Amino acid sequence: MEEEMKLRIAKGCIVIMPVIGTLGLFIFTFVGKIIYGWGLFVIMLLLSGIINQFFFRCPHCGKSIPANATLNQKYCPLCGADLGLIDSPFSYYSKCKKNKNGQYQAYTTVGYLAFIVGTAIVLFIVVALLGFDSVFKGTGRILILAALALGFLIGMMCRCIVGSAAKLDKEHLYYSKIPGRWKCYDISDIKEQAKLHKPFYHVVRGYVMMTNQGVVTIPVATYKGGKEFLQKLTEYINEPMVDIMPEMVASKRSEEGKKAEVKYRAYKDSIKEKGEN
């Protein structure tokens, strides 16, 4: 219990310190002390990184937990032990959305977060260059629009590179890597393919299935509401539910990650062999 409390305190500091730095940057910019604001911002980021490196460590294997795992972390990325941390509302433990058509929707929040953070930082730079009084006049307005456009571009790039989304109903599974572009897979086809090629969970890639369009991996553990989404998916295709860990913090260098990758390659090779026969 003592170790869990230390981890929770460390996690809280890692999350709160960059927020304090960002707020400090805004406040000092507002009062005309931009240098102090940037100084506080840099110090808070450094302290957050130091705490992550030296104090946010797994009590089971002793390894430090990646900074990008802070919000979604529950299991150790190397040994897989439950760290006993409180679930985040942004993690895969939360509820996935259900739209008016009855489809379950699960998605990564990385694009939204990148847009918010990227836009905020660029806006602070604009304010620092022009001053708060001039930022809503003439050139300032143009630069604000440019900051919003740049933030949108950063968010879109992060969403395309490391994010994705999925939708599910009783007849179809939809998967999107690029916003607005969806690939559709028939649930009946996945069920039929599962008789020959058993779906399985890859701790790094996600839930692996065979379809008539090839092998599909759905990174359910990166999604807000991904666990509920996977429960529904396995229910629809008549497969057992599996234990999942946050994919965004599962290390490829871990023993579990290496074993899963070997199984994934064997899975694809077996499909090729059956196709050739």
C-alpha atoms as a PDB file:
ATOM      1  CA  MET A   1       0.000   0.000   0.000  1.00  0.00           C
ATOM      2  CA  GLU A   2       2.905   2.329   0.771  1.00  0.00           C
ATOM      3  CA  GLU A   3       4.419   1.700  -2.675  1.00  0.00           C
ATOM      4  CA  GLU A   4       1.068   2.385  -4.346  1.00  0.00           C
ATOM      5  CA  MET A   5       0.780   5.707  -2.487  1.00  0.00           C
ATOM      6  CA  LYS A   6       4.285   6.725  -3.600  1.00  0.00           C
ATOM      7  CA  LEU A   7       3.373   5.954  -7.198  1.00  0.00           C
ATOM      8  CA  ARG A   8       0.137   7.936  -6.956  1.00  0.00           C
ATOM      9  CA  ILE A   9       1.970  10.955  -5.523  1.00  0.00           C
ATOM     10  CA  ALA A  10       4.654  10.710  -8.210  1.00  0.00           C
ATOM     11  CA  LYS A  11       2.007  10.348 -10.927  1.00  0.00           C
ATOM     12  CA  GLY A  12       0.153  13.397  -9.601  1.00  0.00           C
ATOM     13  CA  CYS A  13       3.343  15.486  -9.641  1.00  0.00           C
ATOM     14  CA  ILE A  14       4.212  14.363 -13.189  1.00  0.00           C
ATOM     15  CA  VAL A  15       0.767  15.424 -14.434  1.00  0.00           C
ATOM     16  CA  ILE A  16       0.328  18.619 -12.398  1.00  0.00           C
ATOM     17  CA  MET A  17       3.786  20.170 -12.809  1.00  0.00           C
ATOM     18  CA  PRO A  18       3.543  20.793 -16.607  1.00  0.00           C
ATOM     19  CA  VAL A  19       0.061  22.249 -15.995  1.00  0.00           C
ATOM     20  CA  ILE A  20       1.478  24.612 -13.368  1.00  0.00           C
ATOM     21  CA  GLY A  21       4.249  25.590 -15.774  1.00  0.00           C
ATOM     22  CA  THR A  22       1.752  26.313 -18.549  1.00  0.00           C
ATOM     23  CA  LEU A  23      -0.500  28.381 -16.271  1.00  0.00           C
ATOM     24  CA  GLY A  24       2.534  30.241 -14.936  1.00  0.00           C
ATOM     25  CA  LEU A  25       3.637  31.023 -18.479  1.00  0.00           C
ATOM     26  CA  PHE A  26       0.217  32.462 -19.266  1.00  0.00           C
ATOM     27  CA  ILE A  27       0.013  34.520 -16.050  1.00  0.00           C
ATOM     28  CA  PHE A  28       3.539  35.957 -16.351  1.00  0.00           C
ATOM     29  CA  THR A  29       2.900  36.767 -20.022  1.00  0.00           C
ATOM     30  CA  PHE A  30      -0.282  38.594 -19.023  1.00  0.00           C
ATOM     31  CA  VAL A  31       1.613  40.774 -16.503  1.00  0.00           C
ATOM     32  CA  GLY A  32       4.491  41.434 -18.903  1.00  0.00           C
ATOM     33  CA  LYS A  33       7.093  39.105 -17.318  1.00  0.00           C
ATOM     34  CA  ILE A  34       7.419  36.572 -20.122  1.00  0.00           C
ATOM     35  CA  ILE A  35      10.993  35.538 -19.159  1.00  0.00           C
ATOM     36  CA  TYR A  36       9.835  34.460 -15.689  1.00  0.00           C
ATOM     37  CA  GLY A  37       6.990  32.550 -17.299  1.00  0.00           C
ATOM     38  CA  TRP A  38       9.255  30.590 -19.633  1.00  0.00           C
ATOM     39  CA  GLY A  39      11.675  29.972 -16.750  1.00  0.00           C
ATOM     40  CA  LEU A  40       8.898  28.480 -14.612  1.00  0.00           C
ATOM     41  CA  PHE A  41       7.625  26.448 -17.558  1.00  0.00           C
ATOM     42  CA  VAL A  42      11.057  24.891 -18.246  1.00  0.00           C
ATOM     43  CA  ILE A  43      11.713  24.206 -14.544  1.00  0.00           C
ATOM     44  CA  MET A  44       8.357  22.445 -14.119  1.00  0.00           C
ATOM     45  CA  LEU A  45       9.004  20.267 -17.176  1.00  0.00           C
ATOM     46  CA  LEU A  46      12.470  19.334 -15.906  1.00  0.00           C
ATOM     47  CA  LEU A  47      11.165  18.495 -12.431  1.00  0.00           C
ATOM     48  CA  SER A  48       8.366  16.425 -13.958  1.00  0.00           C
ATOM     49  CA  GLY A  49      10.930  14.456 -15.990  1.00  0.00           C
ATOM     50  CA  ILE A  50      13.223  13.953 -12.979  1.00  0.00           C
ATOM     51  CA  ILE A  51      10.340  12.662 -10.833  1.00  0.00           C
ATOM     52  CA  ASN A  52       9.269  10.335 -13.647  1.00  0.00           C
ATOM     53  CA  GLN A  53      12.781   8.956 -14.045  1.00  0.00           C
ATOM     54  CA  PHE A  54      13.687   8.460 -10.393  1.00  0.00           C
ATOM     55  CA  PHE A  55      10.398   8.021  -8.506  1.00  0.00           C
ATOM     56  CA  PHE A  56       7.740   6.711 -10.938  1.00  0.00           C
ATOM     57  CA  ARG A  57       9.131   3.175 -10.998  1.00  0.00           C
ATOM     58  CA  CYS A  58       7.566  -0.248 -10.884  1.00  0.00           C
ATOM     59  CA  PRO A  59       7.947  -1.714  -7.369  1.00  0.00           C
ATOM     60  CA  HIS A  60       8.098  -5.212  -8.891  1.00  0.00           C
ATOM     61  CA  CYS A  61      10.858  -4.934 -11.524  1.00  0.00           C
ATOM     62  CA  GLY A  62      12.325  -1.529 -10.565  1.00  0.00           C
ATOM     63  CA  LYS A  63      12.120  -0.061 -14.101  1.00  0.00           C
ATOM     64  CA  SER A  64      11.009   3.529 -14.690  1.00  0.00           C
ATOM     65  CA  ILE A  65       7.587   3.969 -16.358  1.00  0.00           C
ATOM     66  CA  PRO A  66       7.497   6.067 -19.590  1.00  0.00           C
ATOM     67  CA  ALA A  67       6.263   9.645 -19.248  1.00  0.00           C
ATOM     68  CA  ASN A  68       3.698   9.213 -22.035  1.00  0.00           C
ATOM     69  CA  ALA A  69       2.099   6.448 -19.976  1.00  0.00           C
ATOM     70  CA  THR A  70       1.173   8.716 -17.076  1.00  0.00           C
ATOM     71  CA  LEU A  71      -2.540   9.138 -17.804  1.00  0.00           C
ATOM     72  CA  ASN A  72      -3.245   5.634 -19.060  1.00  0.00           C
ATOM     73  CA  GLN A  73      -0.908   3.642 -16.861  1.00  0.00           C
ATOM     74  CA  LYS A  74      -2.144   0.739 -14.765  1.00  0.00           C
ATOM     75  CA  TYR A  75       0.284  -2.080 -15.561  1.00  0.00           C
ATOM     76  CA  CYS A  76       4.078  -2.116 -15.663  1.00  0.00           C
ATOM     77  CA  PRO A  77       5.240  -1.882 -19.315  1.00  0.00           C
ATOM     78  CA  LEU A  78       7.959  -4.475 -18.779  1.00  0.00           C
ATOM     79  CA  CYS A  79       6.817  -7.063 -16.236  1.00  0.00           C
ATOM     80  CA  GLY A  80       3.038  -6.583 -16.603  1.00  0.00           C
ATOM     81  CA  ALA A  81       2.398  -6.325 -12.843  1.00  0.00           C
ATOM     82  CA  ASP A  82      -0.641  -4.358 -11.654  1.00  0.00           C
ATOM     83  CA  LEU A  83       0.659  -1.130 -10.128  1.00  0.00           C
ATOM     84  CA  GLY A  84      -2.560  -0.481  -8.188  1.00  0.00           C
ATOM     85  CA  LEU A  85      -3.048   3.006  -9.625  1.00  0.00           C
ATOM     86  CA  ILE A  86      -6.464   4.650  -9.927  1.00  0.00           C
ATOM     87  CA  ASP A  87      -7.922   4.366 -13.425  1.00  0.00           C
ATOM     88  CA  SER A  88      -7.910   7.537 -15.508  1.00  0.00           C
ATOM     89  CA  PRO A  89     -11.167   8.709 -17.134  1.00  0.00           C
ATOM     90  CA  PHE A  90      -9.138   9.018 -20.361  1.00  0.00           C
ATOM     91  CA  SER A  91      -7.973   5.411 -20.272  1.00  0.00           C
ATOM     92  CA  TYR A  92      -9.383   2.278 -21.872  1.00  0.00           C
ATOM     93  CA  TYR A  93     -11.220   1.498 -18.606  1.00  0.00           C
ATOM     94  CA  SER A  94     -13.678   4.342 -19.237  1.00  0.00           C
ATOM     95  CA  LYS A  95     -16.957   4.107 -21.169  1.00  0.00           C
ATOM     96  CA  CYS A  96     -16.902   4.257 -24.945  1.00  0.00           C
ATOM     97  CA  LYS A  97     -19.465   6.400 -26.739  1.00  0.00           C
ATOM     98  CA  LYS A  98     -22.641   5.016 -28.254  1.00  0.00           C
ATOM     99  CA  ASN A  99     -24.098   7.081 -31.088  1.00  0.00           C
ATOM    100  CA  LYS A 100     -27.732   7.491 -32.136  1.00  0.00           C
ATOM    101  CA  ASN A 101     -27.401   4.576 -34.582  1.00  0.00           C
ATOM    102  CA  GLY A 102     -26.479   2.219 -31.754  1.00  0.00           C
ATOM    103  CA  GLN A 103     -22.828   1.978 -32.788  1.00  0.00           C
ATOM    104  CA  TYR A 104     -20.119   1.770 -30.141  1.00  0.00           C
ATOM    105  CA  GLN A 105     -17.333   4.287 -30.743  1.00  0.00           C
ATOM    106  CA  ALA A 106     -13.841   4.152 -29.267  1.00  0.00           C
ATOM    107  CA  TYR A 107     -11.022   6.571 -30.086  1.00  0.00           C
ATOM    108  CA  THR A 108      -7.633   7.863 -29.015  1.00  0.00           C
ATOM    109  CA  THR A 109      -7.451  11.295 -27.352  1.00  0.00           C
ATOM    110  CA  VAL A 110      -3.916  12.004 -28.587  1.00  0.00           C
ATOM    111  CA  GLY A 111      -5.083  14.225 -31.469  1.00  0.00           C
ATOM    112  CA  TYR A 112      -7.247  16.435 -29.241  1.00  0.00           C
ATOM    113  CA  LEU A 113      -4.540  16.742 -26.600  1.00  0.00           C
ATOM    114  CA  ALA A 114      -1.867  17.569 -29.186  1.00  0.00           C
ATOM    115  CA  PHE A 115      -4.139  20.253 -30.687  1.00  0.00           C
ATOM    116  CA  ILE A 116      -4.793  21.857 -27.291  1.00  0.00           C
ATOM    117  CA  VAL A 117      -1.173  21.781 -26.128  1.00  0.00           C
ATOM    118  CA  GLY A 118       0.303  22.761 -29.506  1.00  0.00           C
ATOM    119  CA  THR A 119      -2.116  25.663 -29.981  1.00  0.00           C
ATOM    120  CA  ALA A 120      -1.564  26.919 -26.421  1.00  0.00           C
ATOM    121  CA  ILE A 121       2.224  26.966 -26.793  1.00  0.00           C
ATOM    122  CA  VAL A 122       2.118  28.787 -30.148  1.00  0.00           C
ATOM    123  CA  LEU A 123      -0.383  31.313 -28.740  1.00  0.00           C
ATOM    124  CA  PHE A 124       1.944  31.995 -25.818  1.00  0.00           C
ATOM    125  CA  ILE A 125       4.773  32.663 -28.271  1.00  0.00           C
ATOM    126  CA  VAL A 126       2.542  35.060 -30.221  1.00  0.00           C
ATOM    127  CA  VAL A 127       1.574  36.890 -27.043  1.00  0.00           C
ATOM    128  CA  ALA A 128       5.223  37.058 -25.982  1.00  0.00           C
ATOM    129  CA  LEU A 129       6.252  38.590 -29.312  1.00  0.00           C
ATOM    130  CA  LEU A 130       3.425  41.120 -29.701  1.00  0.00           C
ATOM    131  CA  GLY A 131       2.306  41.776 -26.142  1.00  0.00           C
ATOM    132  CA  PHE A 132      -1.163  41.134 -24.765  1.00  0.00           C
ATOM    133  CA  ASP A 133      -2.509  44.550 -25.842  1.00  0.00           C
ATOM    134  CA  SER A 134      -1.644  44.069 -29.514  1.00  0.00           C
ATOM    135  CA  VAL A 135      -2.485  40.413 -29.954  1.00  0.00           C
ATOM    136  CA  PHE A 136      -6.116  41.044 -31.029  1.00  0.00           C
ATOM    137  CA  LYS A 137      -5.270  43.784 -33.523  1.00  0.00           C
ATOM    138  CA  GLY A 138      -4.098  43.627 -37.145  1.00  0.00           C
ATOM    139  CA  THR A 139      -1.141  41.267 -37.408  1.00  0.00           C
ATOM    140  CA  GLY A 140      -2.027  39.739 -34.033  1.00  0.00           C
ATOM    141  CA  ARG A 141      -5.333  38.394 -35.381  1.00  0.00           C
ATOM    142  CA  ILE A 142      -3.573  36.825 -38.359  1.00  0.00           C
ATOM    143  CA  LEU A 143      -1.011  35.175 -36.079  1.00  0.00           C
ATOM    144  CA  ILE A 144      -3.776  33.853 -33.808  1.00  0.00           C
ATOM    145  CA  LEU A 145      -5.462  32.229 -36.815  1.00  0.00           C
ATOM    146  CA  ALA A 146      -2.066  30.863 -37.879  1.00  0.00           C
ATOM    147  CA  ALA A 147      -1.557  29.439 -34.357  1.00  0.00           C
ATOM    148  CA  LEU A 148      -4.945  27.706 -34.505  1.00  0.00           C
ATOM    149  CA  ALA A 149      -4.133  26.323 -37.965  1.00  0.00           C
ATOM    150  CA  LEU A 150      -0.733  25.074 -36.772  1.00  0.00           C
ATOM    151  CA  GLY A 151      -2.288  23.488 -33.672  1.00  0.00           C
ATOM    152  CA  PHE A 152      -4.863  21.768 -35.874  1.00  0.00           C
ATOM    153  CA  LEU A 153      -2.083  20.497 -38.152  1.00  0.00           C
ATOM    154  CA  ILE A 154      -0.087  19.154 -35.183  1.00  0.00           C
ATOM    155  CA  GLY A 155      -3.190  17.462 -33.774  1.00  0.00           C
ATOM    156  CA  MET A 156      -4.063  15.930 -37.145  1.00  0.00           C
ATOM    157  CA  MET A 157      -0.512  14.630 -37.656  1.00  0.00           C
ATOM    158  CA  CYS A 158      -0.433  13.050 -34.187  1.00  0.00           C
ATOM    159  CA  ARG A 159      -3.856  11.517 -34.792  1.00  0.00           C
ATOM    160  CA  CYS A 160      -2.732  10.002 -38.115  1.00  0.00           C
ATOM    161  CA  ILE A 161       0.662   8.780 -36.892  1.00  0.00           C
ATOM    162  CA  VAL A 162      -0.111   7.333 -33.455  1.00  0.00           C
ATOM    163  CA  GLY A 163      -3.910   7.513 -33.175  1.00  0.00           C
ATOM    164  CA  SER A 164      -6.944   5.791 -34.662  1.00  0.00           C
ATOM    165  CA  ALA A 165     -10.641   5.189 -34.057  1.00  0.00           C
ATOM    166  CA  ALA A 166     -13.126   2.326 -34.353  1.00  0.00           C
ATOM    167  CA  LYS A 167     -16.905   1.852 -34.538  1.00  0.00           C
ATOM    168  CA  LEU A 168     -18.872  -1.303 -33.973  1.00  0.00           C
ATOM    169  CA  ASP A 169     -22.385  -2.642 -34.387  1.00  0.00           C
ATOM    170  CA  LYS A 170     -23.749  -6.200 -34.605  1.00  0.00           C
ATOM    171  CA  GLU A 171     -23.088  -6.419 -38.343  1.00  0.00           C
ATOM    172  CA  HIS A 172     -19.975  -4.347 -39.027  1.00  0.00           C
ATOM    173  CA  LEU A 173     -16.644  -3.246 -37.576  1.00  0.00           C
ATOM    174  CA  TYR A 174     -15.251   0.075 -38.810  1.00  0.00           C
ATOM    175  CA  TYR A 175     -11.639   1.178 -38.406  1.00  0.00           C
ATOM    176  CA  SER A 176     -10.115   4.578 -39.203  1.00  0.00           C
ATOM    177  CA  LYS A 177      -6.424   5.474 -39.281  1.00  0.00           C
ATOM    178  CA  ILE A 178      -6.938   8.728 -41.200  1.00  0.00           C
ATOM    179  CA  PRO A 179      -9.766  10.945 -39.849  1.00  0.00           C
ATOM    180  CA  GLY A 180     -12.878  10.706 -42.026  1.00  0.00           C
ATOM    181  CA  ARG A 181     -11.743   7.561 -43.876  1.00  0.00           C
ATOM    182  CA  TRP A 182     -13.230   4.307 -42.586  1.00  0.00           C
ATOM    183  CA  LYS A 183     -12.590   0.686 -43.537  1.00  0.00           C
ATOM    184  CA  CYS A 184     -15.558  -1.628 -43.071  1.00  0.00           C
ATOM    185  CA  TYR A 185     -15.335  -5.292 -42.029  1.00  0.00           C
ATOM    186  CA  ASP A 186     -18.288  -7.691 -41.786  1.00  0.00           C
ATOM    187  CA  ILE A 187     -18.775  -9.301 -38.375  1.00  0.00           C
ATOM    188  CA  SER A 188     -20.047 -12.463 -40.091  1.00  0.00           C
ATOM    189  CA  ASP A 189     -16.805 -12.664 -42.092  1.00  0.00           C
ATOM    190  CA  ILE A 190     -14.651 -12.207 -38.956  1.00  0.00           C
ATOM    191  CA  LYS A 191     -16.628 -14.997 -37.225  1.00  0.00           C
ATOM    192  CA  GLU A 192     -16.132 -17.282 -40.216  1.00  0.00           C
ATOM    193  CA  GLN A 193     -12.414 -16.519 -40.475  1.00  0.00           C
ATOM    194  CA  ALA A 194     -12.014 -17.084 -36.720  1.00  0.00           C
ATOM    195  CA  LYS A 195     -12.811 -20.774 -37.214  1.00  0.00           C
ATOM    196  CA  LEU A 196      -9.584 -21.153 -39.191  1.00  0.00           C
ATOM    197  CA  HIS A 197      -7.487 -18.305 -37.783  1.00  0.00           C
ATOM    198  CA  LYS A 198      -8.117 -17.723 -34.082  1.00  0.00           C
ATOM    199  CA  PRO A 199      -8.036 -14.015 -33.058  1.00  0.00           C
ATOM    200  CA  PHE A 200      -5.653 -13.123 -30.250  1.00  0.00           C
ATOM    201  CA  TYR A 201      -4.500 -10.117 -28.237  1.00  0.00           C
ATOM    202  CA  HIS A 202      -1.065  -8.620 -28.958  1.00  0.00           C
ATOM    203  CA  VAL A 203       0.167  -6.546 -25.986  1.00  0.00           C
ATOM    204  CA  VAL A 204       1.731  -3.958 -28.323  1.00  0.00           C
ATOM    205  CA  ARG A 205      -0.327  -4.040 -31.537  1.00  0.00           C
ATOM    206  CA  GLY A 206      -3.801  -4.760 -30.130  1.00  0.00           C
ATOM    207  CA  TYR A 207      -6.527  -7.288 -30.997  1.00  0.00           C
ATOM    208  CA  VAL A 208      -5.488  -9.291 -34.077  1.00  0.00           C
ATOM    209  CA  MET A 209      -8.096 -10.789 -36.427  1.00  0.00           C
ATOM    210  CA  MET A 210      -8.278 -12.271 -39.892  1.00  0.00           C
ATOM    211  CA  THR A 211     -10.770 -10.887 -42.451  1.00  0.00           C
ATOM    212  CA  ASN A 212     -11.314 -11.334 -46.175  1.00  0.00           C
ATOM    213  CA  GLN A 213      -9.332  -8.081 -46.553  1.00  0.00           C
ATOM    214  CA  GLY A 214      -6.331  -9.481 -44.678  1.00  0.00           C
ATOM    215  CA  VAL A 215      -5.053  -9.313 -41.097  1.00  0.00           C
ATOM    216  CA  VAL A 216      -6.527  -6.450 -39.040  1.00  0.00           C
ATOM    217  CA  THR A 217      -5.224  -5.194 -35.700  1.00  0.00           C
ATOM    218  CA  ILE A 218      -7.405  -2.938 -33.553  1.00  0.00           C
ATOM    219  CA  PRO A 219      -5.334  -1.137 -30.849  1.00  0.00           C
ATOM    220  CA  VAL A 220      -8.174  -1.239 -28.320  1.00  0.00           C
ATOM    221  CA  ALA A 221      -5.970  -0.420 -25.335  1.00  0.00           C
ATOM    222  CA  THR A 222      -5.113   3.029 -26.730  1.00  0.00           C
ATOM    223  CA  TYR A 223      -8.810   3.936 -26.870  1.00  0.00           C
ATOM    224  CA  LYS A 224     -10.974   5.802 -24.427  1.00  0.00           C
ATOM    225  CA  GLY A 225     -13.457   3.040 -23.624  1.00  0.00           C
ATOM    226  CA  GLY A 226     -11.410   0.379 -25.410  1.00  0.00           C
ATOM    227  CA  LYS A 227     -12.064  -2.349 -22.860  1.00  0.00           C
ATOM    228  CA  GLU A 228     -15.842  -2.039 -23.208  1.00  0.00           C
ATOM    229  CA  PHE A 229     -15.400  -1.892 -26.987  1.00  0.00           C
ATOM    230  CA  LEU A 230     -13.398  -5.140 -27.013  1.00  0.00           C
ATOM    231  CA  GLN A 231     -15.965  -6.831 -24.776  1.00  0.00           C
ATOM    232  CA  LYS A 232     -18.666  -6.043 -27.335  1.00  0.00           C
ATOM    233  CA  LEU A 233     -16.480  -7.078 -30.280  1.00  0.00           C
ATOM    234  CA  THR A 234     -15.573 -10.465 -28.757  1.00  0.00           C
ATOM    235  CA  GLU A 235     -19.226 -10.968 -27.839  1.00  0.00           C
ATOM    236  CA  TYR A 236     -20.342 -10.340 -31.444  1.00  0.00           C
ATOM    237  CA  ILE A 237     -17.758 -12.696 -32.961  1.00  0.00           C
ATOM    238  CA  ASN A 238     -18.327 -15.390 -30.265  1.00  0.00           C
ATOM    239  CA  GLU A 239     -14.766 -15.254 -28.941  1.00  0.00           C
ATOM    240  CA  PRO A 240     -13.645 -15.156 -25.280  1.00  0.00           C
ATOM    241  CA  MET A 241     -12.808 -11.772 -23.774  1.00  0.00           C
ATOM    242  CA  VAL A 242      -9.104 -11.238 -23.097  1.00  0.00           C
ATOM    243  CA  ASP A 243      -7.211  -9.222 -20.492  1.00  0.00           C
ATOM    244  CA  ILE A 244      -5.757  -6.102 -22.083  1.00  0.00           C
ATOM    245  CA  MET A 245      -3.113  -3.619 -20.998  1.00  0.00           C
ATOM    246  CA  PRO A 246      -2.612  -0.072 -22.291  1.00  0.00           C
ATOM    247  CA  GLU A 247      -0.881  -0.538 -25.655  1.00  0.00           C
ATOM    248  CA  MET A 248       0.635   2.936 -25.525  1.00  0.00           C
ATOM    249  CA  VAL A 249       2.817   1.911 -22.571  1.00  0.00           C
ATOM    250  CA  ALA A 250       3.553  -1.725 -23.448  1.00  0.00           C
ATOM    251  CA  SER A 251       7.233  -1.961 -24.295  1.00  0.00           C
ATOM    252  CA  LYS A 252       8.269  -3.726 -27.492  1.00  0.00           C
ATOM    253  CA  ARG A 253      11.415  -4.774 -25.630  1.00  0.00           C
ATOM    254  CA  SER A 254       9.487  -6.520 -22.855  1.00  0.00           C
ATOM    255  CA  GLU A 255       9.327 -10.296 -22.741  1.00  0.00           C
ATOM    256  CA  GLU A 256       5.561 -10.188 -23.298  1.00  0.00           C
ATOM    257  CA  GLY A 257       6.037  -7.864 -26.285  1.00  0.00           C
ATOM    258  CA  LYS A 258       8.665 -10.152 -27.844  1.00  0.00           C
ATOM    259  CA  LYS A 259       6.514 -13.259 -27.353  1.00  0.00           C
ATOM    260  CA  ALA A 260       3.486 -11.497 -28.835  1.00  0.00           C
ATOM    261  CA  GLU A 261       5.497 -10.399 -31.888  1.00  0.00           C
ATOM    262  CA  VAL A 262       6.716 -13.962 -32.505  1.00  0.00           C
ATOM    263  CA  LYS A 263       3.112 -15.185 -32.281  1.00  0.00           C
ATOM    264  CA  TYR A 264       1.964 -12.400 -34.641  1.00  0.00           C
ATOM    265  CA  ARG A 265       4.555 -13.321 -37.287  1.00  0.00           C
ATOM    266  CA  ALA A 266       3.685 -17.006 -36.973  1.00  0.00           C
ATOM    267  CA  TYR A 267       0.006 -16.082 -37.344  1.00  0.00           C
ATOM    268  CA  LYS A 268       0.670 -14.200 -40.603  1.00  0.00           C
ATOM    269  CA  ASP A 269       2.965 -16.941 -41.914  1.00  0.00           C
ATOM    270  CA  SER A 270       0.332 -19.611 -41.265  1.00  0.00           C
ATOM    271  CA  ILE A 271      -2.208 -17.582 -43.231  1.00  0.00           C
ATOM    272  CA  LYS A 272       0.216 -17.264 -46.163  1.00  0.00           C
ATOM    273  CA  GLU A 273       0.879 -21.018 -46.134  1.00  0.00           C
ATOM    274  CA  LYS A 274      -2.837 -21.841 -46.160  1.00  0.00           C
ATOM    275  CA  GLY A 275      -3.375 -19.310 -48.952  1.00  0.00           C
ATOM    276  CA  GLU A 276      -0.639 -20.904 -51.068  1.00  0.00           C
ATOM    277  CA  ASN A 277      -2.100 -24.368 -50.500  1.00  0.00           C
END
